[in-house]
PDB file of N, CA and C in Angstrom:
ATOM      1  N   MET A   1     129.821 120.707 131.928  1.00  0.00           N
ATOM      2  CA  MET A   1     128.517 120.254 132.348  1.00  0.00           C
ATOM      3  C   MET A   1     128.233 118.936 131.630  1.00  0.00           C
ATOM      4  N   ALA A   2     127.769 117.952 132.369  1.00  0.00           N
ATOM      5  CA  ALA A   2     127.471 116.631 131.812  1.00  0.00           C
ATOM      6  C   ALA A   2     126.115 116.641 131.123  1.00  0.00           C
ATOM      7  N   ARG A   3     126.013 115.812 130.085  1.00  0.00           N
ATOM      8  CA  ARG A   3     124.730 115.702 129.384  1.00  0.00           C
ATOM      9  C   ARG A   3     123.792 114.776 130.144  1.00  0.00           C
ATOM     10  N   ALA A   4     122.503 115.114 130.140  1.00  0.00           N
ATOM     11  CA  ALA A   4     121.515 114.286 130.819  1.00  0.00           C
ATOM     12  C   ALA A   4     121.080 113.114 129.953  1.00  0.00           C
ATOM     13  N   ARG A   5     121.085 113.325 128.614  1.00  0.00           N
ATOM     14  CA  ARG A   5     120.673 112.255 127.699  1.00  0.00           C
ATOM     15  C   ARG A   5     121.743 112.064 126.648  1.00  0.00           C
ATOM     16  N   ILE A   6     121.947 110.805 126.261  1.00  0.00           N
ATOM     17  CA  ILE A   6     122.908 110.481 125.208  1.00  0.00           C
ATOM     18  C   ILE A   6     122.160 109.799 124.088  1.00  0.00           C
ATOM     19  N   ASN A   7     122.390 110.245 122.863  1.00  0.00           N
ATOM     20  CA  ASN A   7     121.752 109.655 121.693  1.00  0.00           C
ATOM     21  C   ASN A   7     122.481 108.356 121.346  1.00  0.00           C
ATOM     22  N   LEU A   8     121.898 107.221 121.717  1.00  0.00           N
ATOM     23  CA  LEU A   8     122.542 105.926 121.484  1.00  0.00           C
ATOM     24  C   LEU A   8     122.517 105.534 120.016  1.00  0.00           C
ATOM     25  N   ASN A   9     121.650 106.143 119.198  1.00  0.00           N
ATOM     26  CA  ASN A   9     121.604 105.811 117.777  1.00  0.00           C
ATOM     27  C   ASN A   9     122.866 106.264 117.043  1.00  0.00           C
ATOM     28  N   ARG A  10     123.604 107.216 117.605  1.00  0.00           N
ATOM     29  CA  ARG A  10     124.851 107.640 116.980  1.00  0.00           C
ATOM     30  C   ARG A  10     125.873 106.510 116.975  1.00  0.00           C
ATOM     31  N   PHE A  11     125.816 105.645 117.972  1.00  0.00           N
ATOM     32  CA  PHE A  11     126.815 104.604 118.136  1.00  0.00           C
ATOM     33  C   PHE A  11     126.386 103.267 117.557  1.00  0.00           C
ATOM     34  N   ARG A  12     125.193 103.181 117.055  1.00  0.00           N
ATOM     35  CA  ARG A  12     124.652 101.916 116.554  1.00  0.00           C
ATOM     36  C   ARG A  12     125.191 101.640 115.159  1.00  0.00           C
ATOM     37  N   LYS A  13     125.699 100.442 114.948  1.00  0.00           N
ATOM     38  CA  LYS A  13     126.150 100.029 113.623  1.00  0.00           C
ATOM     39  C   LYS A  13     125.077  99.139 113.008  1.00  0.00           C
ATOM     40  N   VAL A  14     124.704  99.416 111.785  1.00  0.00           N
ATOM     41  CA  VAL A  14     123.684  98.635 111.096  1.00  0.00           C
ATOM     42  C   VAL A  14     124.396  97.770 110.056  1.00  0.00           C
ATOM     43  N   TYR A  15     124.327  96.472 110.243  1.00  0.00           N
ATOM     44  CA  TYR A  15     124.933  95.539 109.317  1.00  0.00           C
ATOM     45  C   TYR A  15     123.884  95.062 108.321  1.00  0.00           C
ATOM     46  N   PRO A  16     124.236  94.837 107.056  1.00  0.00           N
ATOM     47  CA  PRO A  16     123.238  94.441 106.049  1.00  0.00           C
ATOM     48  C   PRO A  16     122.510  93.148 106.400  1.00  0.00           C
ATOM     49  N   GLN A  17     123.185  92.177 106.973  1.00  0.00           N
ATOM     50  CA  GLN A  17     122.523  90.904 107.286  1.00  0.00           C
ATOM     51  C   GLN A  17     121.633  91.021 108.521  1.00  0.00           C
ATOM     52  N   MET A  18     121.740  92.110 109.263  1.00  0.00           N
ATOM     53  CA  MET A  18     120.939  92.277 110.471  1.00  0.00           C
ATOM     54  C   MET A  18     119.732  93.183 110.247  1.00  0.00           C
ATOM     55  N   SER A  19     119.619  93.788 109.080  1.00  0.00           N
ATOM     56  CA  SER A  19     118.511  94.706 108.854  1.00  0.00           C
ATOM     57  C   SER A  19     117.194  93.940 108.736  1.00  0.00           C
ATOM     58  N   LYS A  20     116.113  94.630 108.970  1.00  0.00           N
ATOM     59  CA  LYS A  20     114.801  94.004 108.913  1.00  0.00           C
ATOM     60  C   LYS A  20     114.395  93.750 107.466  1.00  0.00           C
ATOM     61  N   SER A  21     113.740  92.648 107.256  1.00  0.00           N
ATOM     62  CA  SER A  21     113.249  92.315 105.925  1.00  0.00           C
ATOM     63  C   SER A  21     111.930  93.037 105.671  1.00  0.00           C
ATOM     64  N   PRO A  22     111.667  93.419 104.432  1.00  0.00           N
ATOM     65  CA  PRO A  22     110.380  94.057 104.136  1.00  0.00           C
ATOM     66  C   PRO A  22     109.248  93.044 104.189  1.00  0.00           C
ATOM     67  N   ARG A  23     108.035  93.530 104.440  1.00  0.00           N
ATOM     68  CA  ARG A  23     106.867  92.650 104.407  1.00  0.00           C
ATOM     69  C   ARG A  23     106.559  92.321 102.960  1.00  0.00           C
ATOM     70  N   MET A  24     106.382  91.063 102.668  1.00  0.00           N
ATOM     71  CA  MET A  24     106.149  90.622 101.305  1.00  0.00           C
ATOM     72  C   MET A  24     104.713  90.136 101.164  1.00  0.00           C
ATOM     73  N   PHE A  25     104.223  90.133  99.942  1.00  0.00           N
ATOM     74  CA  PHE A  25     102.918  89.548  99.685  1.00  0.00           C
ATOM     75  C   PHE A  25     103.111  88.321  98.813  1.00  0.00           C
ATOM     76  N   SER A  26     102.097  87.472  98.785  1.00  0.00           N
ATOM     77  CA  SER A  26     102.217  86.190  98.100  1.00  0.00           C
ATOM     78  C   SER A  26     102.365  86.388  96.596  1.00  0.00           C
ATOM     79  N   ALA A  27     102.844  85.344  95.937  1.00  0.00           N
ATOM     80  CA  ALA A  27     103.083  85.426  94.500  1.00  0.00           C
ATOM     81  C   ALA A  27     101.799  85.298  93.690  1.00  0.00           C
ATOM     82  N   GLU A  28     100.720  84.842  94.306  1.00  0.00           N
ATOM     83  CA  GLU A  28      99.466  84.680  93.569  1.00  0.00           C
ATOM     84  C   GLU A  28      98.745  86.028  93.490  1.00  0.00           C
ATOM     85  N   LEU A  29      98.744  86.604  92.306  1.00  0.00           N
ATOM     86  CA  LEU A  29      98.053  87.870  92.076  1.00  0.00           C
ATOM     87  C   LEU A  29      96.857  87.634  91.171  1.00  0.00           C
ATOM     88  N   ARG A  30      95.762  88.266  91.489  1.00  0.00           N
ATOM     89  CA  ARG A  30      94.572  88.168  90.643  1.00  0.00           C
ATOM     90  C   ARG A  30      94.429  89.453  89.848  1.00  0.00           C
ATOM     91  N   PRO A  31      94.483  89.349  88.527  1.00  0.00           N
ATOM     92  CA  PRO A  31      94.358  90.567  87.711  1.00  0.00           C
ATOM     93  C   PRO A  31      92.899  90.892  87.417  1.00  0.00           C
ATOM     94  N   TYR A  32      92.602  92.169  87.411  1.00  0.00           N
ATOM     95  CA  TYR A  32      91.290  92.677  87.041  1.00  0.00           C
ATOM     96  C   TYR A  32      91.502  93.802  86.035  1.00  0.00           C
ATOM     97  N   ARG A  33      90.506  94.062  85.240  1.00  0.00           N
ATOM     98  CA  ARG A  33      90.536  95.164  84.290  1.00  0.00           C
ATOM     99  C   ARG A  33      89.277  95.994  84.515  1.00  0.00           C
ATOM    100  N   VAL A  34      89.462  97.277  84.752  1.00  0.00           N
ATOM    101  CA  VAL A  34      88.349  98.193  85.015  1.00  0.00           C
ATOM    102  C   VAL A  34      88.293  99.200  83.876  1.00  0.00           C
ATOM    103  N   GLU A  35      87.132  99.313  83.265  1.00  0.00           N
ATOM    104  CA  GLU A  35      86.927 100.236  82.145  1.00  0.00           C
ATOM    105  C   GLU A  35      86.284 101.523  82.658  1.00  0.00           C
ATOM    106  N   PHE A  36      86.909 102.648  82.392  1.00  0.00           N
ATOM    107  CA  PHE A  36      86.347 103.960  82.691  1.00  0.00           C
ATOM    108  C   PHE A  36      85.788 104.534  81.401  1.00  0.00           C
ATOM    109  N   SER A  37      84.596 105.086  81.462  1.00  0.00           N
ATOM    110  CA  SER A  37      84.026 105.762  80.294  1.00  0.00           C
ATOM    111  C   SER A  37      83.476 107.119  80.748  1.00  0.00           C
ATOM    112  N   ASN A  38      84.327 108.133  80.649  1.00  0.00           N
ATOM    113  CA  ASN A  38      84.004 109.491  81.055  1.00  0.00           C
ATOM    114  C   ASN A  38      83.565 109.537  82.521  1.00  0.00           C
ATOM    115  N   GLN A  39      84.339 108.875  83.391  1.00  0.00           N
ATOM    116  CA  GLN A  39      84.037 108.784  84.821  1.00  0.00           C
ATOM    117  C   GLN A  39      85.257 109.178  85.627  1.00  0.00           C
ATOM    118  N   MET A  40      85.035 109.591  86.881  1.00  0.00           N
ATOM    119  CA  MET A  40      86.124 109.914  87.794  1.00  0.00           C
ATOM    120  C   MET A  40      86.319 108.837  88.844  1.00  0.00           C
ATOM    121  N   SER A  41      85.314 107.996  89.079  1.00  0.00           N
ATOM    122  CA  SER A  41      85.378 107.012  90.148  1.00  0.00           C
ATOM    123  C   SER A  41      84.741 105.713  89.690  1.00  0.00           C
ATOM    124  N   LYS A  42      85.285 104.625  90.160  1.00  0.00           N
ATOM    125  CA  LYS A  42      84.740 103.307  89.814  1.00  0.00           C
ATOM    126  C   LYS A  42      84.971 102.384  91.004  1.00  0.00           C
ATOM    127  N   GLU A  43      84.032 101.456  91.231  1.00  0.00           N
ATOM    128  CA  GLU A  43      84.155 100.498  92.325  1.00  0.00           C
ATOM    129  C   GLU A  43      84.368  99.107  91.761  1.00  0.00           C
ATOM    130  N   LEU A  44      85.181  98.308  92.466  1.00  0.00           N
ATOM    131  CA  LEU A  44      85.501  96.949  92.072  1.00  0.00           C
ATOM    132  C   LEU A  44      85.255  96.036  93.265  1.00  0.00           C
ATOM    133  N   GLN A  45      84.525  94.954  93.046  1.00  0.00           N
ATOM    134  CA  GLN A  45      84.247  93.982  94.100  1.00  0.00           C
ATOM    135  C   GLN A  45      85.254  92.833  94.006  1.00  0.00           C
ATOM    136  N   ILE A  46      85.955  92.551  95.098  1.00  0.00           N
ATOM    137  CA  ILE A  46      86.871  91.410  95.150  1.00  0.00           C
ATOM    138  C   ILE A  46      86.472  90.550  96.345  1.00  0.00           C
ATOM    139  N   ASP A  47      86.875  89.278  96.318  1.00  0.00           N
ATOM    140  CA  ASP A  47      86.492  88.384  97.407  1.00  0.00           C
ATOM    141  C   ASP A  47      87.641  87.458  97.775  1.00  0.00           C
ATOM    142  N   ASN A  48      87.445  86.713  98.859  1.00  0.00           N
ATOM    143  CA  ASN A  48      88.366  85.690  99.358  1.00  0.00           C
ATOM    144  C   ASN A  48      89.751  86.225  99.687  1.00  0.00           C
ATOM    145  N   PHE A  49      89.826  87.357 100.368  1.00  0.00           N
ATOM    146  CA  PHE A  49      91.094  87.896 100.843  1.00  0.00           C
ATOM    147  C   PHE A  49      90.957  88.238 102.319  1.00  0.00           C
ATOM    148  N   VAL A  50      92.002  87.953 103.083  1.00  0.00           N
ATOM    149  CA  VAL A  50      92.009  88.344 104.489  1.00  0.00           C
ATOM    150  C   VAL A  50      92.456  89.800 104.601  1.00  0.00           C
ATOM    151  N   SER A  51      93.578  90.120 103.996  1.00  0.00           N
ATOM    152  CA  SER A  51      94.048  91.511 103.935  1.00  0.00           C
ATOM    153  C   SER A  51      94.678  91.737 102.563  1.00  0.00           C
ATOM    154  N   PRO A  52      93.923  92.337 101.646  1.00  0.00           N
ATOM    155  CA  PRO A  52      94.396  92.476 100.269  1.00  0.00           C
ATOM    156  C   PRO A  52      95.434  93.584 100.091  1.00  0.00           C
ATOM    157  N   VAL A  53      96.321  93.356  99.136  1.00  0.00           N
ATOM    158  CA  VAL A  53      97.264  94.373  98.668  1.00  0.00           C
ATOM    159  C   VAL A  53      96.838  94.705  97.246  1.00  0.00           C
ATOM    160  N   VAL A  54      96.523  95.970  96.971  1.00  0.00           N
ATOM    161  CA  VAL A  54      95.987  96.375  95.675  1.00  0.00           C
ATOM    162  C   VAL A  54      96.992  97.289  94.983  1.00  0.00           C
ATOM    163  N   VAL A  55      97.337  96.934  93.746  1.00  0.00           N
ATOM    164  CA  VAL A  55      98.239  97.736  92.919  1.00  0.00           C
ATOM    165  C   VAL A  55      97.495  98.043  91.622  1.00  0.00           C
ATOM    166  N   ILE A  56      97.477  99.324  91.212  1.00  0.00           N
ATOM    167  CA  ILE A  56      96.774  99.697  89.980  1.00  0.00           C
ATOM    168  C   ILE A  56      97.716 100.467  89.059  1.00  0.00           C
ATOM    169  N   SER A  57      97.416 100.368  87.775  1.00  0.00           N
ATOM    170  CA  SER A  57      98.162 101.151  86.776  1.00  0.00           C
ATOM    171  C   SER A  57      97.243 101.405  85.595  1.00  0.00           C
ATOM    172  N   GLY A  58      97.367 102.588  85.034  1.00  0.00           N
ATOM    173  CA  GLY A  58      96.566 102.959  83.877  1.00  0.00           C
ATOM    174  C   GLY A  58      97.291 102.627  82.592  1.00  0.00           C
ATOM    175  N   GLU A  59      96.531 102.393  81.532  1.00  0.00           N
ATOM    176  CA  GLU A  59      97.153 102.076  80.248  1.00  0.00           C
ATOM    177  C   GLU A  59      97.826 103.291  79.648  1.00  0.00           C
ATOM    178  N   ASP A  60      97.093 104.315  79.332  1.00  0.00           N
ATOM    179  CA  ASP A  60      97.693 105.504  78.735  1.00  0.00           C
ATOM    180  C   ASP A  60      98.326 106.337  79.848  1.00  0.00           C
ATOM    181  N   ASN A  61      98.364 107.594  79.693  1.00  0.00           N
ATOM    182  CA  ASN A  61      98.920 108.490  80.706  1.00  0.00           C
ATOM    183  C   ASN A  61      97.797 108.912  81.653  1.00  0.00           C
ATOM    184  N   LEU A  62      97.325 107.969  82.484  1.00  0.00           N
ATOM    185  CA  LEU A  62      96.209 108.222  83.388  1.00  0.00           C
ATOM    186  C   LEU A  62      96.714 108.384  84.809  1.00  0.00           C
ATOM    187  N   ASN A  63      96.154 109.331  85.542  1.00  0.00           N
ATOM    188  CA  ASN A  63      96.482 109.531  86.942  1.00  0.00           C
ATOM    189  C   ASN A  63      95.375 108.894  87.776  1.00  0.00           C
ATOM    190  N   VAL A  64      95.602 107.684  88.263  1.00  0.00           N
ATOM    191  CA  VAL A  64      94.610 106.945  89.039  1.00  0.00           C
ATOM    192  C   VAL A  64      95.236 106.485  90.352  1.00  0.00           C
ATOM    193  N   TRP A  65      94.374 106.283  91.362  1.00  0.00           N
ATOM    194  CA  TRP A  65      94.833 105.812  92.657  1.00  0.00           C
ATOM    195  C   TRP A  65      93.704 105.079  93.359  1.00  0.00           C
ATOM    196  N   VAL A  66      94.061 104.351  94.409  1.00  0.00           N
ATOM    197  CA  VAL A  66      93.079 103.629  95.224  1.00  0.00           C
ATOM    198  C   VAL A  66      92.578 104.599  96.287  1.00  0.00           C
ATOM    199  N   GLN A  67      91.299 104.913  96.227  1.00  0.00           N
ATOM    200  CA  GLN A  67      90.701 105.838  97.186  1.00  0.00           C
ATOM    201  C   GLN A  67      90.409 105.137  98.507  1.00  0.00           C
ATOM    202  N   SER A  68      89.822 103.941  98.432  1.00  0.00           N
ATOM    203  CA  SER A  68      89.493 103.224  99.663  1.00  0.00           C
ATOM    204  C   SER A  68      89.374 101.732  99.393  1.00  0.00           C
ATOM    205  N   ILE A  69      89.615 100.975 100.441  1.00  0.00           N
ATOM    206  CA  ILE A  69      89.400  99.523 100.435  1.00  0.00           C
ATOM    207  C   ILE A  69      88.560  99.228 101.664  1.00  0.00           C
ATOM    208  N   VAL A  70      87.321  98.794 101.446  1.00  0.00           N
ATOM    209  CA  VAL A  70      86.373  98.604 102.542  1.00  0.00           C
ATOM    210  C   VAL A  70      85.868  97.173 102.522  1.00  0.00           C
ATOM    211  N   ARG A  71      85.850  96.539 103.690  1.00  0.00           N
ATOM    212  CA  ARG A  71      85.310  95.187 103.813  1.00  0.00           C
ATOM    213  C   ARG A  71      83.799  95.261 103.967  1.00  0.00           C
ATOM    214  N   SER A  72      83.102  94.374 103.270  1.00  0.00           N
ATOM    215  CA  SER A  72      81.638  94.366 103.340  1.00  0.00           C
ATOM    216  C   SER A  72      81.196  93.740 104.663  1.00  0.00           C
ATOM    217  N   PRO A  73      79.946  93.943 105.045  1.00  0.00           N
ATOM    218  CA  PRO A  73      79.460  93.400 106.328  1.00  0.00           C
ATOM    219  C   PRO A  73      79.521  91.881 106.422  1.00  0.00           C
ATOM    220  N   ASN A  74      79.504  91.156 105.288  1.00  0.00           N
ATOM    221  CA  ASN A  74      79.556  89.705 105.381  1.00  0.00           C
ATOM    222  C   ASN A  74      80.956  89.198 105.719  1.00  0.00           C
ATOM    223  N   GLY A  75      81.974  90.061 105.657  1.00  0.00           N
ATOM    224  CA  GLY A  75      83.329  89.695 106.053  1.00  0.00           C
ATOM    225  C   GLY A  75      84.129  88.969 105.002  1.00  0.00           C
ATOM    226  N   ILE A  76      83.588  88.749 103.813  1.00  0.00           N
ATOM    227  CA  ILE A  76      84.299  88.016 102.763  1.00  0.00           C
ATOM    228  C   ILE A  76      84.675  88.947 101.617  1.00  0.00           C
ATOM    229  N   ASN A  77      83.736  89.749 101.154  1.00  0.00           N
ATOM    230  CA  ASN A  77      83.961  90.611  99.995  1.00  0.00           C
ATOM    231  C   ASN A  77      84.599  91.931 100.397  1.00  0.00           C
ATOM    232  N   TRP A  78      85.317  92.517  99.452  1.00  0.00           N
ATOM    233  CA  TRP A  78      85.935  93.822  99.628  1.00  0.00           C
ATOM    234  C   TRP A  78      85.471  94.727  98.488  1.00  0.00           C
ATOM    235  N   THR A  79      85.316  96.013  98.770  1.00  0.00           N
ATOM    236  CA  THR A  79      84.997  97.003  97.755  1.00  0.00           C
ATOM    237  C   THR A  79      86.188  97.942  97.627  1.00  0.00           C
ATOM    238  N   VAL A  80      86.785  97.960  96.435  1.00  0.00           N
ATOM    239  CA  VAL A  80      87.920  98.834  96.147  1.00  0.00           C
ATOM    240  C   VAL A  80      87.405  99.995  95.308  1.00  0.00           C
ATOM    241  N   THR A  81      87.608 101.217  95.780  1.00  0.00           N
ATOM    242  CA  THR A  81      87.198 102.407  95.046  1.00  0.00           C
ATOM    243  C   THR A  81      88.426 103.006  94.373  1.00  0.00           C
ATOM    244  N   ILE A  82      88.358 103.156  93.052  1.00  0.00           N
ATOM    245  CA  ILE A  82      89.448 103.710  92.257  1.00  0.00           C
ATOM    246  C   ILE A  82      89.039 105.095  91.793  1.00  0.00           C
ATOM    247  N   GLU A  83      89.888 106.080  92.048  1.00  0.00           N
ATOM    248  CA  GLU A  83      89.618 107.464  91.672  1.00  0.00           C
ATOM    249  C   GLU A  83      90.586 107.907  90.585  1.00  0.00           C
ATOM    250  N   ALA A  84      90.159 108.900  89.812  1.00  0.00           N
ATOM    251  CA  ALA A  84      91.003 109.516  88.795  1.00  0.00           C
ATOM    252  C   ALA A  84      91.019 111.019  89.015  1.00  0.00           C
ATOM    253  N   SER A  85      92.046 111.668  88.500  1.00  0.00           N
ATOM    254  CA  SER A  85      92.174 113.111  88.712  1.00  0.00           C
ATOM    255  C   SER A  85      91.142 113.906  87.913  1.00  0.00           C
ATOM    256  N   THR A  86      90.767 113.406  86.745  1.00  0.00           N
ATOM    257  CA  THR A  86      89.734 114.039  85.921  1.00  0.00           C
ATOM    258  C   THR A  86      88.848 112.947  85.347  1.00  0.00           C
ATOM    259  N   GLN A  87      87.812 113.330  84.658  1.00  0.00           N
ATOM    260  CA  GLN A  87      86.971 112.334  84.002  1.00  0.00           C
ATOM    261  C   GLN A  87      87.761 111.722  82.854  1.00  0.00           C
ATOM    262  N   ILE A  88      87.918 110.411  82.895  1.00  0.00           N
ATOM    263  CA  ILE A  88      88.760 109.732  81.914  1.00  0.00           C
ATOM    264  C   ILE A  88      87.974 108.670  81.182  1.00  0.00           C
ATOM    265  N   THR A  89      88.480 108.304  80.024  1.00  0.00           N
ATOM    266  CA  THR A  89      87.978 107.165  79.264  1.00  0.00           C
ATOM    267  C   THR A  89      89.194 106.306  78.958  1.00  0.00           C
ATOM    268  N   GLY A  90      89.216 105.129  79.557  1.00  0.00           N
ATOM    269  CA  GLY A  90      90.364 104.259  79.369  1.00  0.00           C
ATOM    270  C   GLY A  90      90.274 103.031  80.248  1.00  0.00           C
ATOM    271  N   THR A  91      91.348 102.268  80.245  1.00  0.00           N
ATOM    272  CA  THR A  91      91.403 101.009  80.980  1.00  0.00           C
ATOM    273  C   THR A  91      92.410 101.122  82.118  1.00  0.00           C
ATOM    274  N   VAL A  92      92.034 100.591  83.269  1.00  0.00           N
ATOM    275  CA  VAL A  92      92.910 100.537  84.432  1.00  0.00           C
ATOM    276  C   VAL A  92      93.098  99.077  84.804  1.00  0.00           C
ATOM    277  N   HIS A  93      94.345  98.671  84.984  1.00  0.00           N
ATOM    278  CA  HIS A  93      94.662  97.298  85.384  1.00  0.00           C
ATOM    279  C   HIS A  93      94.845  97.259  86.896  1.00  0.00           C
ATOM    280  N   VAL A  94      94.184  96.296  87.521  1.00  0.00           N
ATOM    281  CA  VAL A  94      94.227  96.151  88.977  1.00  0.00           C
ATOM    282  C   VAL A  94      94.775  94.761  89.286  1.00  0.00           C
ATOM    283  N   HIS A  95      95.785  94.703  90.151  1.00  0.00           N
ATOM    284  CA  HIS A  95      96.348  93.428  90.607  1.00  0.00           C
ATOM    285  C   HIS A  95      96.141  93.351  92.112  1.00  0.00           C
ATOM    286  N   VAL A  96      95.544  92.248  92.566  1.00  0.00           N
ATOM    287  CA  VAL A  96      95.233  92.089  93.973  1.00  0.00           C
ATOM    288  C   VAL A  96      95.924  90.829  94.492  1.00  0.00           C
ATOM    289  N   GLY A  97      96.615  90.968  95.604  1.00  0.00           N
ATOM    290  CA  GLY A  97      97.281  89.824  96.219  1.00  0.00           C
ATOM    291  C   GLY A  97      97.010  89.824  97.715  1.00  0.00           C
ATOM    292  N   GLU A  98      97.324  88.708  98.340  1.00  0.00           N
ATOM    293  CA  GLU A  98      97.142  88.543  99.775  1.00  0.00           C
ATOM    294  C   GLU A  98      98.409  89.009 100.479  1.00  0.00           C
ATOM    295  N   ALA A  99      98.251  89.824 101.539  1.00  0.00           N
ATOM    296  CA  ALA A  99      99.406  90.260 102.318  1.00  0.00           C
ATOM    297  C   ALA A  99      99.947  89.070 103.094  1.00  0.00           C
ATOM    298  N   TYR A 100     101.226  88.960 103.123  1.00  0.00           N
ATOM    299  CA  TYR A 100     101.877  87.867 103.864  1.00  0.00           C
ATOM    300  C   TYR A 100     101.930  88.266 105.337  1.00  0.00           C
ATOM    301  N   LEU A 101     101.327  87.453 106.177  1.00  0.00           N
ATOM    302  CA  LEU A 101     101.223  87.790 107.588  1.00  0.00           C
ATOM    303  C   LEU A 101     102.134  86.929 108.456  1.00  0.00           C
ATOM    304  N   GLY A 102     103.107  86.270 107.866  1.00  0.00           N
ATOM    305  CA  GLY A 102     103.942  85.356 108.639  1.00  0.00           C
ATOM    306  C   GLY A 102     105.232  85.878 109.066  1.00  0.00           C
TER     307      GLY A 102
END
């Protein structure tokens, strides 16, 4: 019995020079420092970005993440909400860059 469909991906060869390049962001990063004092959530206002890329890291052994990135109604400012797993006291470093759209 003949097959109705053939999986063409089985026969595809992927060469390293033909693979897709990852999306990169610009080299200009703006650093911010956010201080938590017995808090679980903190907001940071950033401006002058079309589509920001936000990377955060805690100083000590802190579990933090970006909860949301929301553009304000004026279309220029952004509000970044940083959450923590528990109430923490410490410093979080935030690096913001522009996504490369080219």
